[in-house]
Protein backbone atom coordinates (compact mmCIF):
# COMPACT_ATOMS: atom_id res chain seq x y z
CA UNK A 1 3.57 -52.31 33.25
CA UNK A 2 3.91 -49.32 36.01
CA UNK A 3 1.95 -46.04 34.85
CA UNK A 4 3.79 -42.77 34.74
CA UNK A 5 1.84 -41.29 37.79
CA UNK A 6 2.68 -44.03 40.10
CA UNK A 7 6.51 -43.82 39.31
CA UNK A 8 6.25 -40.14 40.04
CA UNK A 9 4.64 -40.83 43.17
CA UNK A 10 7.23 -43.47 44.17
CA UNK A 11 9.86 -41.12 43.04
CA UNK A 12 8.81 -38.20 45.19
CA UNK A 13 8.23 -40.52 48.18
CA UNK A 14 11.82 -41.90 47.76
CA UNK A 15 13.50 -38.28 47.32
CA UNK A 16 11.57 -37.36 50.27
CA UNK A 17 12.56 -39.94 52.05
CA UNK A 18 16.28 -39.04 51.67
CA UNK A 19 15.50 -35.26 52.29
CA UNK A 20 14.29 -36.78 55.71
CA UNK A 21 17.42 -38.05 56.76
CA UNK A 22 19.24 -34.65 55.96
CA UNK A 23 16.95 -32.20 56.82
CA UNK A 24 17.68 -31.16 60.56
CA UNK A 25 21.38 -31.89 59.93
CA UNK A 26 23.40 -29.14 61.21
CA UNK A 27 25.66 -27.49 57.93
CA UNK A 28 29.12 -28.66 59.25
CA UNK A 29 27.33 -32.39 59.03
CA UNK A 30 26.65 -31.73 55.04
CA UNK A 31 30.33 -32.14 55.13
CA UNK A 32 30.98 -35.33 56.04
CA UNK A 33 32.61 -37.98 53.72
CA UNK A 34 30.87 -40.76 52.02
CA UNK A 35 31.50 -43.76 50.96
CA UNK A 36 32.12 -42.25 47.36
CA UNK A 37 35.90 -41.10 47.55
CA UNK A 38 36.10 -36.94 47.52
CA UNK A 39 32.05 -37.18 48.12
CA UNK A 40 30.14 -35.23 50.87
CA UNK A 41 26.84 -35.39 51.88
CA UNK A 42 26.47 -32.00 50.13
CA UNK A 43 27.96 -33.46 47.08
CA UNK A 44 25.67 -36.63 46.96
CA UNK A 45 23.07 -34.12 47.40
CA UNK A 46 24.26 -31.71 44.55
CA UNK A 47 24.66 -34.61 42.09
CA UNK A 48 20.97 -35.63 42.36
CA UNK A 49 20.11 -31.99 41.88
CA UNK A 50 22.68 -31.65 38.62
CA UNK A 51 21.11 -34.60 37.27
CA UNK A 52 17.27 -33.66 37.96
CA UNK A 53 18.60 -30.29 35.87
CA UNK A 54 20.19 -32.41 33.26
CA UNK A 55 17.36 -34.91 32.89
CA UNK A 56 14.59 -31.55 32.95
CA UNK A 57 16.55 -30.50 29.78
CA UNK A 58 16.42 -33.45 27.96
CA UNK A 59 12.28 -33.65 27.90
CA UNK A 60 12.01 -29.82 27.68
CA UNK A 61 14.91 -28.35 25.79
CA UNK A 62 16.83 -30.71 23.22
CA UNK A 63 19.38 -27.77 22.18
CA UNK A 64 20.34 -27.13 25.63
CA UNK A 65 20.68 -31.33 26.73
CA UNK A 66 23.16 -31.55 23.47
CA UNK A 67 25.30 -28.89 24.67
CA UNK A 68 25.62 -30.81 27.93
CA UNK A 69 26.42 -33.95 26.05
CA UNK A 70 29.36 -31.87 24.14
CA UNK A 71 30.73 -31.11 27.63
CA UNK A 72 30.47 -34.50 28.95
CA UNK A 73 32.28 -35.73 25.78
CA UNK A 74 35.14 -33.37 26.46
CA UNK A 75 35.80 -34.97 29.69
CA UNK A 76 33.59 -38.45 29.82
CA UNK A 77 35.39 -39.61 33.13
CA UNK A 78 34.86 -36.41 35.34
CA UNK A 79 32.05 -34.77 34.04
CA UNK A 80 29.69 -36.24 36.90
CA UNK A 81 32.31 -34.96 39.30
CA UNK A 82 32.31 -31.69 37.53
CA UNK A 83 28.41 -31.50 37.48
CA UNK A 84 28.01 -32.14 41.43
CA UNK A 85 30.77 -29.52 42.35
CA UNK A 86 28.96 -26.79 39.81
CA UNK A 87 25.74 -27.61 41.89
CA UNK A 88 27.36 -27.52 45.61
CA UNK A 89 25.98 -24.22 47.16
CA UNK A 90 25.43 -23.32 50.55
CA UNK A 91 23.19 -25.65 52.60
CA UNK A 92 19.91 -24.18 52.43
CA UNK A 93 20.20 -22.85 48.77
CA UNK A 94 21.51 -26.28 47.70
CA UNK A 95 18.69 -28.01 49.34
CA UNK A 96 16.09 -25.59 48.08
CA UNK A 97 17.62 -26.17 44.41
CA UNK A 98 17.36 -29.49 44.96
CA UNK A 99 13.73 -29.46 45.83
CA UNK A 100 12.80 -27.06 42.46
CA UNK A 101 14.72 -29.04 40.51
CA UNK A 102 12.53 -32.30 41.52
CA UNK A 103 9.47 -30.63 41.49
CA UNK A 104 10.65 -28.95 37.40
CA UNK A 105 11.33 -32.74 36.63
CA UNK A 106 8.32 -34.05 37.73
CA UNK A 107 6.05 -31.30 35.53
CA UNK A 108 8.60 -32.02 32.47
CA UNK A 109 8.05 -35.92 32.59
CA UNK A 110 4.51 -35.54 32.66
CA UNK A 111 4.60 -33.62 29.11
CA UNK A 112 6.41 -36.01 27.85
CA UNK A 113 4.57 -37.31 24.89
CA UNK A 114 2.61 -40.68 25.21
CA UNK A 115 5.36 -42.93 23.35
CA UNK A 116 7.96 -40.48 23.14
CA UNK A 117 11.40 -40.44 24.26
CA UNK A 118 14.08 -38.17 25.28
CA UNK A 119 17.60 -37.78 24.79
CA UNK A 120 20.03 -39.27 27.16
CA UNK A 121 23.84 -39.96 27.53
CA UNK A 122 24.07 -42.68 25.23
CA UNK A 123 21.06 -43.66 24.75
CA UNK A 124 17.34 -42.64 24.22
CA UNK A 125 14.32 -43.24 27.23
CA UNK A 126 10.67 -42.83 27.32
CA UNK A 127 9.58 -40.74 30.58
CA UNK A 128 8.71 -43.37 32.64
CA UNK A 129 12.14 -45.40 31.73
CA UNK A 130 13.65 -42.02 33.09
CA UNK A 131 11.34 -41.84 35.96
CA UNK A 132 12.69 -45.46 37.07
CA UNK A 133 16.34 -44.43 36.91
CA UNK A 134 15.37 -41.71 38.67
CA UNK A 135 14.56 -44.03 41.62
CA UNK A 136 17.21 -46.14 41.58
CA UNK A 137 19.77 -43.53 41.71
CA UNK A 138 17.72 -41.63 44.40
CA UNK A 139 17.91 -44.45 46.36
CA UNK A 140 21.69 -45.22 45.38
CA UNK A 141 22.97 -42.20 46.45
CA UNK A 142 20.23 -42.04 49.59
CA UNK A 143 22.45 -45.07 50.77
CA UNK A 144 25.62 -43.19 50.46
CA UNK A 145 24.04 -40.52 52.59
CA UNK A 146 23.10 -43.46 55.00
CA UNK A 147 26.39 -45.02 55.14
CA UNK A 148 27.92 -41.68 55.97
CA UNK A 149 25.32 -41.11 59.25
CA UNK A 150 25.46 -44.82 60.34
CA UNK A 151 22.02 -44.89 59.50
CA UNK A 152 20.35 -48.01 58.52
CA UNK A 153 17.09 -47.46 56.32
CA UNK A 154 14.12 -49.95 55.91
CA UNK A 155 13.73 -50.73 52.76
CA UNK A 156 10.52 -50.47 50.92
CA UNK A 157 7.94 -51.92 47.87
CA UNK A 158 10.21 -49.06 46.08
CA UNK A 159 13.17 -51.66 45.40
CA UNK A 160 11.18 -53.51 43.01
CA UNK A 161 11.91 -50.29 40.44
CA UNK A 162 15.83 -50.98 41.29
CA UNK A 163 15.37 -54.54 40.99
CA UNK A 164 13.60 -54.60 37.79
CA UNK A 165 16.28 -52.47 36.19
CA UNK A 166 19.14 -54.56 37.88
CA UNK A 167 17.48 -57.82 35.94
CA UNK A 168 16.73 -55.81 32.42
CA UNK A 169 20.71 -54.57 32.17
CA UNK A 170 22.34 -57.67 32.26
CA UNK A 171 23.60 -57.61 28.80
CA UNK A 172 24.72 -53.69 29.57
CA UNK A 173 26.75 -54.92 32.57
CA UNK A 174 28.68 -57.20 30.22
CA UNK A 175 29.39 -54.96 27.73
CA UNK A 176 29.98 -52.41 29.70
CA UNK A 177 32.77 -54.76 31.65
CA UNK A 178 34.17 -55.11 27.92
CA UNK A 179 32.80 -59.01 27.86
CA UNK A 180 30.57 -60.64 24.98
CA UNK A 181 27.26 -60.19 25.98
CA UNK A 182 25.60 -63.61 26.63
CA UNK A 183 22.64 -64.56 24.83
CA UNK A 184 21.20 -67.02 27.83
CA UNK A 185 18.51 -65.93 29.84
CA UNK A 186 18.94 -65.65 33.53
CA UNK A 187 16.01 -66.00 35.93
CA UNK A 188 15.55 -63.95 39.17
CA UNK A 189 14.07 -65.14 42.12
CA UNK A 190 14.04 -62.48 45.02
CA UNK A 191 12.13 -62.06 48.21
CA UNK A 192 10.96 -58.36 48.99
CA UNK A 193 11.20 -56.61 52.03
CA UNK A 194 7.52 -57.72 53.13
CA UNK A 195 8.53 -61.34 52.59
CA UNK A 196 6.81 -61.11 48.69
CA UNK A 197 8.31 -62.85 45.64
CA UNK A 198 9.55 -61.10 42.86
CA UNK A 199 10.40 -62.80 40.19
CA UNK A 200 11.97 -61.84 36.76
CA UNK A 201 13.25 -63.88 33.51
CA UNK A 202 11.98 -67.09 32.10
CA UNK A 203 11.13 -69.84 34.44
CA UNK A 204 13.05 -72.79 32.80
CA UNK A 205 16.19 -70.72 32.60
CA UNK A 206 19.14 -72.47 34.25
CA UNK A 207 20.88 -69.54 34.84
CA UNK A 208 19.56 -67.81 37.83
CA UNK A 209 19.96 -65.60 40.74
CA UNK A 210 18.07 -66.18 43.87
CA UNK A 211 18.00 -64.01 47.43
CA UNK A 212 17.01 -60.98 49.05
CA UNK A 213 15.51 -58.23 46.61
CA UNK A 214 17.78 -55.33 48.76
CA UNK A 215 21.06 -57.15 48.42
CA UNK A 216 19.96 -57.51 44.94
CA UNK A 217 20.12 -53.55 44.75
CA UNK A 218 23.18 -53.58 46.61
CA UNK A 219 24.85 -55.38 44.32
CA UNK A 220 23.64 -53.67 40.81
CA UNK A 221 23.99 -50.29 42.31
CA UNK A 222 27.54 -51.51 43.38
CA UNK A 223 26.92 -50.46 46.70
CA UNK A 224 28.39 -53.70 48.38
CA UNK A 225 30.78 -56.44 47.57
CA UNK A 226 29.11 -59.32 46.42
CA UNK A 227 30.92 -61.30 49.26
CA UNK A 228 28.72 -59.23 51.72
CA UNK A 229 25.52 -60.52 50.33
CA UNK A 230 23.25 -63.15 50.90
CA UNK A 231 22.60 -63.86 46.94
CA UNK A 232 23.25 -66.96 45.34
CA UNK A 233 24.33 -67.27 41.11
CA UNK A 234 23.65 -70.99 39.41
CA UNK A 235 24.94 -71.09 35.89
CA UNK A 236 27.95 -69.42 34.24
CA UNK A 237 26.36 -66.15 32.99
CA UNK A 238 24.59 -65.97 36.12
CA UNK A 239 28.08 -66.42 38.06
CA UNK A 240 29.83 -63.94 35.73
CA UNK A 241 27.44 -61.45 35.93
CA UNK A 242 27.44 -61.35 39.95
CA UNK A 243 31.08 -60.08 39.81
CA UNK A 244 30.21 -56.91 37.22
CA UNK A 245 26.64 -56.49 37.69
CA UNK A 246 25.82 -52.72 37.07
CA UNK A 247 22.38 -50.68 36.95
CA UNK A 248 23.87 -47.52 35.66
CA UNK A 249 25.30 -45.73 32.56
CA UNK A 250 28.97 -45.06 32.62
CA UNK A 251 32.29 -46.90 33.14
CA UNK A 252 31.87 -49.27 36.52
CA UNK A 253 34.82 -47.53 38.18
CA UNK A 254 36.14 -49.41 41.32
CA UNK A 255 34.58 -51.74 43.20
CA UNK A 256 33.91 -51.26 46.58
CA UNK A 257 36.07 -53.69 48.81
CA UNK A 258 34.59 -56.30 50.78
CA UNK A 259 33.74 -55.74 54.66
CA UNK A 260 36.54 -55.54 56.93
CA UNK A 261 38.95 -54.43 53.64
CA UNK A 262 41.81 -51.89 54.78
CA UNK A 263 40.85 -50.16 51.42
CA UNK A 264 38.07 -47.66 51.45
CA UNK A 265 34.90 -48.31 49.65
CA UNK A 266 34.09 -46.04 46.28
CA UNK A 267 31.15 -46.90 44.77
CA UNK A 268 30.78 -45.50 41.33
CA UNK A 269 28.21 -42.74 40.38
């Protein structure tokens, strides 16, 4: 089990890697569109800053976080867009806000009592779970920024956190898509960025998914269409899951089309 300090170190590194992508961008380039329809690079960063803010509230101010839950309930399909819009600001201010929010969240998660759970949208999370989720989301939105800039990022071992969440949310993906949650285990055998083997799930499971860890992470964050990835599913549950995989909470939203399709991609946020 990964300890909280290591998770927060990886979260800081993932955030710093994304900041490196945008730090020297001329301000007009922050208005470049990303694969998320209606979202610019600035929206992507504002969304991360907003999510860090509400995660800090969840860890430090339960009443204030409950108020954010009430606002979300009033507009369950639009509150994420609204949060990103609220945190938009001139680039220097947005950058400072994002950096300060990351620091505040780091300190807040370190102060969560061992074994304690904080409220979140539809669930409760430990500090370690929150840190892992923040790594996943930072990486996923970083992928959107990289796509907007035409940059191919070098995958790192931090992808293991994203992959781990992907293997833990199989039932969630079925439920989110309104399908019966299977009671069949799935084995995942992935090849990490440095050629190492990442294995999750019972070795004897008949249903299994194999392939590159990078492709797996792109799948579960819904940043690529399954047809564009070198993943192989064996068994009915694994095969069905490949088409509905989703690591994050909330509605699935429209799929990103296969490469070469005419329709613009729109990964959910």
